[in-house]
């Protein structure tokens, strides 16, 4: 084989990506499902082998049948939509407030000195410690729930935006001075695009925190339409199939949020990938 042919084959091997074997590709995508499938299998075995009381661990098919019945009459679907609406409103309010304040602190040393210590102390207070105060100020109804959810989304959006803007390299600021950029030009052209990865990370975390807070608000504050209210119903009426169904729904929605947020983050920041 001539030297030219060898060089051509070597260049072709570098230019044409080699597809991974199909089994490896499938295994990589199914690997995250291994643990949930294992747990569901153990659940089913315990229920059918009589090793667990059916009143506490109903068979998986009983939970599925309850889900079909609940979604068939529209009851659980309505409650799921109520929780999602509450969650997204609180997430939007908390994220906008967190990003706005994070940008202000990141760009202003004066605001950082004034509010930084207070916000760091606020970060150490457990989220659920605010429930009594929120219920007294805003009541246990819809307003109190939305405020609680917004508070959960506020902290990660604030901290990540603050760190993203503060982490802009000093050389970028010096370059902006050389190019005689004004404050607005520096913020719009350099600082905010440079902080976008951190901002999106904060939004991703805020979305997950808000969903967790949605369940907490519905369980701890006044009963209202939502998955938390149906969980309370399952607990008090000892409907274990309904309770487990709601838990599975909460986990499923959380996984969907996580996957969608990760895909959007990757797509919107694709311009940063070399």
Protein backbone atom coordinates (compact mmCIF):
# COMPACT_ATOMS: atom_id res chain seq x y z
CA UNK A 1 0.00 0.00 0.00
CA UNK A 2 1.45 3.36 -1.01
CA UNK A 3 2.19 6.20 1.39
CA UNK A 4 -0.45 8.39 -0.29
CA UNK A 5 -3.13 5.72 0.24
CA UNK A 6 -2.18 5.34 3.92
CA UNK A 7 -2.31 9.10 4.44
CA UNK A 8 -5.67 9.26 2.70
CA UNK A 9 -7.11 6.53 4.90
CA UNK A 10 -5.76 8.19 8.02
CA UNK A 11 -7.30 11.53 7.04
CA UNK A 12 -10.62 9.81 6.30
CA UNK A 13 -10.60 8.11 9.70
CA UNK A 14 -10.18 11.49 11.41
CA UNK A 15 -12.81 13.27 9.30
CA UNK A 16 -15.58 10.65 9.45
CA UNK A 17 -16.91 9.99 12.96
CA UNK A 18 -17.28 6.33 13.82
CA UNK A 19 -20.72 5.48 15.16
CA UNK A 20 -20.72 3.64 18.48
CA UNK A 21 -21.92 0.03 18.45
CA UNK A 22 -25.73 -0.20 18.74
CA UNK A 23 -25.64 -2.16 21.98
CA UNK A 24 -23.36 0.40 23.61
CA UNK A 25 -25.62 3.23 22.43
CA UNK A 26 -28.74 1.51 23.79
CA UNK A 27 -27.00 0.60 27.04
CA UNK A 28 -25.88 4.16 27.63
CA UNK A 29 -29.45 5.44 27.33
CA UNK A 30 -31.03 2.62 29.33
CA UNK A 31 -28.49 2.72 32.17
CA UNK A 32 -30.31 5.52 34.09
CA UNK A 33 -33.47 3.37 34.06
CA UNK A 34 -31.77 0.39 35.70
CA UNK A 35 -32.36 1.47 39.31
CA UNK A 36 -36.04 2.51 38.88
CA UNK A 37 -36.82 -0.73 37.04
CA UNK A 38 -35.06 -2.73 39.77
CA UNK A 39 -37.03 -0.97 42.51
CA UNK A 40 -40.33 -1.49 40.70
CA UNK A 41 -39.48 -5.17 40.23
CA UNK A 42 -38.72 -5.57 43.94
CA UNK A 43 -41.97 -3.78 44.77
CA UNK A 44 -43.94 -6.17 42.55
CA UNK A 45 -42.21 -9.24 43.96
CA UNK A 46 -42.85 -8.18 47.55
CA UNK A 47 -46.52 -7.52 46.83
CA UNK A 48 -47.18 -10.84 45.06
CA UNK A 49 -45.01 -13.03 47.27
CA UNK A 50 -46.94 -12.01 50.37
CA UNK A 51 -43.80 -10.65 52.02
CA UNK A 52 -45.42 -7.24 52.50
CA UNK A 53 -48.88 -6.28 53.70
CA UNK A 54 -50.98 -5.37 50.65
CA UNK A 55 -52.58 -2.56 52.65
CA UNK A 56 -49.19 -0.82 52.82
CA UNK A 57 -47.54 -2.12 49.63
CA UNK A 58 -50.29 -2.66 47.04
CA UNK A 59 -49.37 -4.42 43.79
CA UNK A 60 -48.13 -2.21 41.01
CA UNK A 61 -51.09 -3.10 38.81
CA UNK A 62 -53.45 -1.80 41.53
CA UNK A 63 -51.66 1.57 41.42
CA UNK A 64 -51.86 1.58 37.61
CA UNK A 65 -55.58 0.73 37.75
CA UNK A 66 -56.13 3.59 40.21
CA UNK A 67 -54.26 5.92 37.87
CA UNK A 68 -56.40 4.90 34.88
CA UNK A 69 -59.56 5.46 36.92
CA UNK A 70 -58.38 8.81 38.29
CA UNK A 71 -57.31 10.19 34.93
CA UNK A 72 -60.39 8.69 33.30
CA UNK A 73 -62.78 10.84 35.35
CA UNK A 74 -60.46 13.86 35.11
CA UNK A 75 -59.95 14.25 38.85
CA UNK A 76 -56.23 13.62 39.09
CA UNK A 77 -55.55 15.38 35.80
CA UNK A 78 -57.20 18.53 37.15
CA UNK A 79 -55.14 18.35 40.32
CA UNK A 80 -51.93 17.82 38.36
CA UNK A 81 -52.65 20.89 36.22
CA UNK A 82 -53.40 22.92 39.36
CA UNK A 83 -50.02 21.97 40.84
CA UNK A 84 -48.20 22.73 37.58
CA UNK A 85 -49.86 26.13 37.27
CA UNK A 86 -48.98 27.01 40.86
CA UNK A 87 -45.42 25.78 40.34
CA UNK A 88 -44.76 27.71 37.12
CA UNK A 89 -46.17 30.98 38.50
CA UNK A 90 -43.99 30.73 41.59
CA UNK A 91 -40.96 29.68 39.54
CA UNK A 92 -41.38 32.64 37.17
CA UNK A 93 -41.78 35.18 40.01
CA UNK A 94 -38.87 33.82 42.05
CA UNK A 95 -36.52 33.44 39.08
CA UNK A 96 -37.15 36.95 37.73
CA UNK A 97 -36.58 38.45 41.19
CA UNK A 98 -33.46 36.32 41.75
CA UNK A 99 -31.86 37.10 38.39
CA UNK A 100 -32.63 40.82 38.69
CA UNK A 101 -31.14 41.10 42.17
CA UNK A 102 -28.22 38.85 41.21
CA UNK A 103 -27.34 41.12 38.28
CA UNK A 104 -27.59 44.19 40.50
CA UNK A 105 -25.29 42.69 43.14
CA UNK A 106 -22.85 41.36 40.54
CA UNK A 107 -22.50 44.74 38.82
CA UNK A 108 -22.45 46.97 41.90
CA UNK A 109 -19.89 46.63 44.68
CA UNK A 110 -21.98 48.94 46.87
CA UNK A 111 -25.09 46.77 46.57
CA UNK A 112 -22.96 43.67 47.15
CA UNK A 113 -21.56 45.11 50.40
CA UNK A 114 -25.04 46.12 51.56
CA UNK A 115 -27.02 43.00 50.65
CA UNK A 116 -24.38 40.28 50.38
CA UNK A 117 -24.13 39.41 54.10
CA UNK A 118 -27.92 39.48 54.53
CA UNK A 119 -28.48 37.16 51.57
CA UNK A 120 -25.80 34.75 52.75
CA UNK A 121 -27.52 34.55 56.14
CA UNK A 122 -30.86 34.07 54.39
CA UNK A 123 -29.33 31.16 52.48
CA UNK A 124 -28.61 29.33 55.75
CA UNK A 125 -32.27 29.36 56.83
CA UNK A 126 -34.15 26.20 55.89
CA UNK A 127 -36.89 26.81 53.34
CA UNK A 128 -39.63 25.22 55.41
CA UNK A 129 -38.76 27.48 58.37
CA UNK A 130 -40.49 30.29 56.45
CA UNK A 131 -43.86 28.48 56.36
CA UNK A 132 -45.27 29.95 59.63
CA UNK A 133 -44.25 33.48 58.67
CA UNK A 134 -45.57 33.19 55.13
CA UNK A 135 -48.87 31.73 56.34
CA UNK A 136 -49.31 34.66 58.75
CA UNK A 137 -48.36 37.35 56.23
CA UNK A 138 -49.99 35.96 53.08
CA UNK A 139 -52.38 33.35 54.46
CA UNK A 140 -52.50 29.66 53.69
CA UNK A 141 -54.34 30.11 50.39
CA UNK A 142 -53.06 30.53 46.86
CA UNK A 143 -51.01 33.66 47.58
CA UNK A 144 -49.10 32.00 50.41
CA UNK A 145 -48.36 28.92 48.29
CA UNK A 146 -47.06 30.98 45.37
CA UNK A 147 -44.86 33.09 47.67
CA UNK A 148 -43.40 29.94 49.22
CA UNK A 149 -42.65 28.46 45.78
CA UNK A 150 -41.16 31.76 44.59
CA UNK A 151 -38.91 31.84 47.64
CA UNK A 152 -37.62 28.37 46.75
CA UNK A 153 -36.82 29.45 43.17
CA UNK A 154 -35.37 32.81 44.25
CA UNK A 155 -32.26 31.56 46.05
CA UNK A 156 -30.60 29.41 43.32
CA UNK A 157 -31.41 31.97 40.61
CA UNK A 158 -29.92 34.76 42.74
CA UNK A 159 -26.74 32.97 43.84
CA UNK A 160 -25.85 31.59 40.40
CA UNK A 161 -26.49 34.92 38.64
CA UNK A 162 -24.44 36.75 41.25
CA UNK A 163 -21.54 34.29 40.92
CA UNK A 164 -21.77 34.33 37.13
CA UNK A 165 -21.43 38.11 36.85
CA UNK A 166 -18.83 38.36 39.62
CA UNK A 167 -16.78 35.63 37.95
CA UNK A 168 -16.21 37.59 34.73
CA UNK A 169 -12.40 37.67 34.32
CA UNK A 170 -10.70 40.96 35.10
CA UNK A 171 -9.05 40.88 31.65
CA UNK A 172 -12.51 41.20 30.09
CA UNK A 173 -13.16 44.34 32.11
CA UNK A 174 -9.78 45.75 31.07
CA UNK A 175 -10.57 44.95 27.43
CA UNK A 176 -13.88 46.81 27.77
CA UNK A 177 -12.00 49.84 29.12
CA UNK A 178 -9.57 49.73 26.18
CA UNK A 179 -12.50 49.59 23.74
CA UNK A 180 -14.13 52.49 25.66
CA UNK A 181 -17.25 50.46 26.37
CA UNK A 182 -19.84 52.14 28.54
CA UNK A 183 -21.50 50.30 31.41
CA UNK A 184 -24.43 49.18 29.27
CA UNK A 185 -22.19 47.93 26.45
CA UNK A 186 -20.01 46.00 28.89
CA UNK A 187 -23.07 44.43 30.53
CA UNK A 188 -24.88 43.55 27.29
CA UNK A 189 -21.93 42.44 25.14
CA UNK A 190 -19.53 40.89 27.67
CA UNK A 191 -20.88 40.34 31.17
CA UNK A 192 -24.34 38.87 30.60
CA UNK A 193 -23.28 36.48 27.76
CA UNK A 194 -20.32 35.40 29.89
CA UNK A 195 -22.60 34.75 32.88
CA UNK A 196 -25.26 32.86 30.89
CA UNK A 197 -24.00 29.36 31.78
CA UNK A 198 -24.25 30.17 35.49
CA UNK A 199 -27.63 31.87 35.01
CA UNK A 200 -29.04 28.82 33.21
CA UNK A 201 -27.64 26.55 35.90
CA UNK A 202 -29.51 28.67 38.45
CA UNK A 203 -32.74 28.48 36.45
CA UNK A 204 -32.36 24.71 36.15
CA UNK A 205 -31.95 24.37 39.92
CA UNK A 206 -34.75 26.87 40.56
CA UNK A 207 -37.15 24.79 38.45
CA UNK A 208 -36.45 21.66 40.50
CA UNK A 209 -36.56 23.52 43.83
CA UNK A 210 -39.87 25.15 42.87
CA UNK A 211 -41.45 21.77 42.10
CA UNK A 212 -40.30 20.41 45.46
CA UNK A 213 -41.68 23.51 47.19
CA UNK A 214 -44.99 23.09 45.35
CA UNK A 215 -45.53 19.75 47.04
CA UNK A 216 -44.46 21.18 50.41
CA UNK A 217 -46.81 24.14 50.09
CA UNK A 218 -49.77 21.92 49.22
CA UNK A 219 -49.04 19.59 52.13
CA UNK A 220 -48.28 22.20 54.80
CA UNK A 221 -50.62 25.08 53.92
CA UNK A 222 -54.38 25.04 53.39
CA UNK A 223 -55.73 22.14 51.35
CA UNK A 224 -56.44 23.15 47.76
CA UNK A 225 -56.61 21.41 44.37
CA UNK A 226 -53.24 19.84 43.66
CA UNK A 227 -51.24 16.65 44.06
CA UNK A 228 -50.43 17.53 47.66
CA UNK A 229 -54.14 17.68 48.47
CA UNK A 230 -54.70 14.27 46.90
CA UNK A 231 -51.77 12.89 48.91
CA UNK A 232 -53.43 14.17 52.09
CA UNK A 233 -56.63 12.46 50.96
CA UNK A 234 -54.79 9.18 50.39
CA UNK A 235 -53.17 9.41 53.82
CA UNK A 236 -56.33 10.19 55.78
CA UNK A 237 -58.54 7.70 53.93
CA UNK A 238 -55.78 5.06 53.89
CA UNK A 239 -55.87 4.82 50.11
CA UNK A 240 -52.31 3.63 49.68
CA UNK A 241 -52.70 3.16 45.92
CA UNK A 242 -53.64 6.84 45.54
CA UNK A 243 -50.78 7.97 47.77
CA UNK A 244 -48.20 5.93 45.86
CA UNK A 245 -49.66 7.04 42.55
CA UNK A 246 -49.20 10.71 43.51
CA UNK A 247 -45.61 10.04 44.62
CA UNK A 248 -44.85 8.40 41.27
CA UNK A 249 -46.41 11.35 39.45
CA UNK A 250 -44.34 13.83 41.45
CA UNK A 251 -41.16 11.95 40.58
CA UNK A 252 -42.15 11.64 36.92
CA UNK A 253 -42.87 15.36 36.57
CA UNK A 254 -39.58 16.16 38.29
CA UNK A 255 -37.70 13.94 35.82
CA UNK A 256 -39.46 15.61 32.87
CA UNK A 257 -38.57 19.06 34.23
CA UNK A 258 -34.95 18.00 34.66
CA UNK A 259 -34.66 16.53 31.14
CA UNK A 260 -36.39 19.48 29.44
CA UNK A 261 -34.35 22.05 31.35
CA UNK A 262 -31.11 20.22 30.54
CA UNK A 263 -32.00 19.98 26.83
CA UNK A 264 -32.93 23.68 26.65
CA UNK A 265 -29.76 24.66 28.49
CA UNK A 266 -27.63 22.61 26.09
CA UNK A 267 -29.41 24.01 23.03
CA UNK A 268 -29.30 27.65 24.11
CA UNK A 269 -25.62 27.45 25.09
CA UNK A 270 -24.56 25.45 22.04
CA UNK A 271 -22.78 28.52 20.66
CA UNK A 272 -20.24 28.21 23.50
CA UNK A 273 -19.23 24.66 22.53
CA UNK A 274 -16.05 24.76 20.34
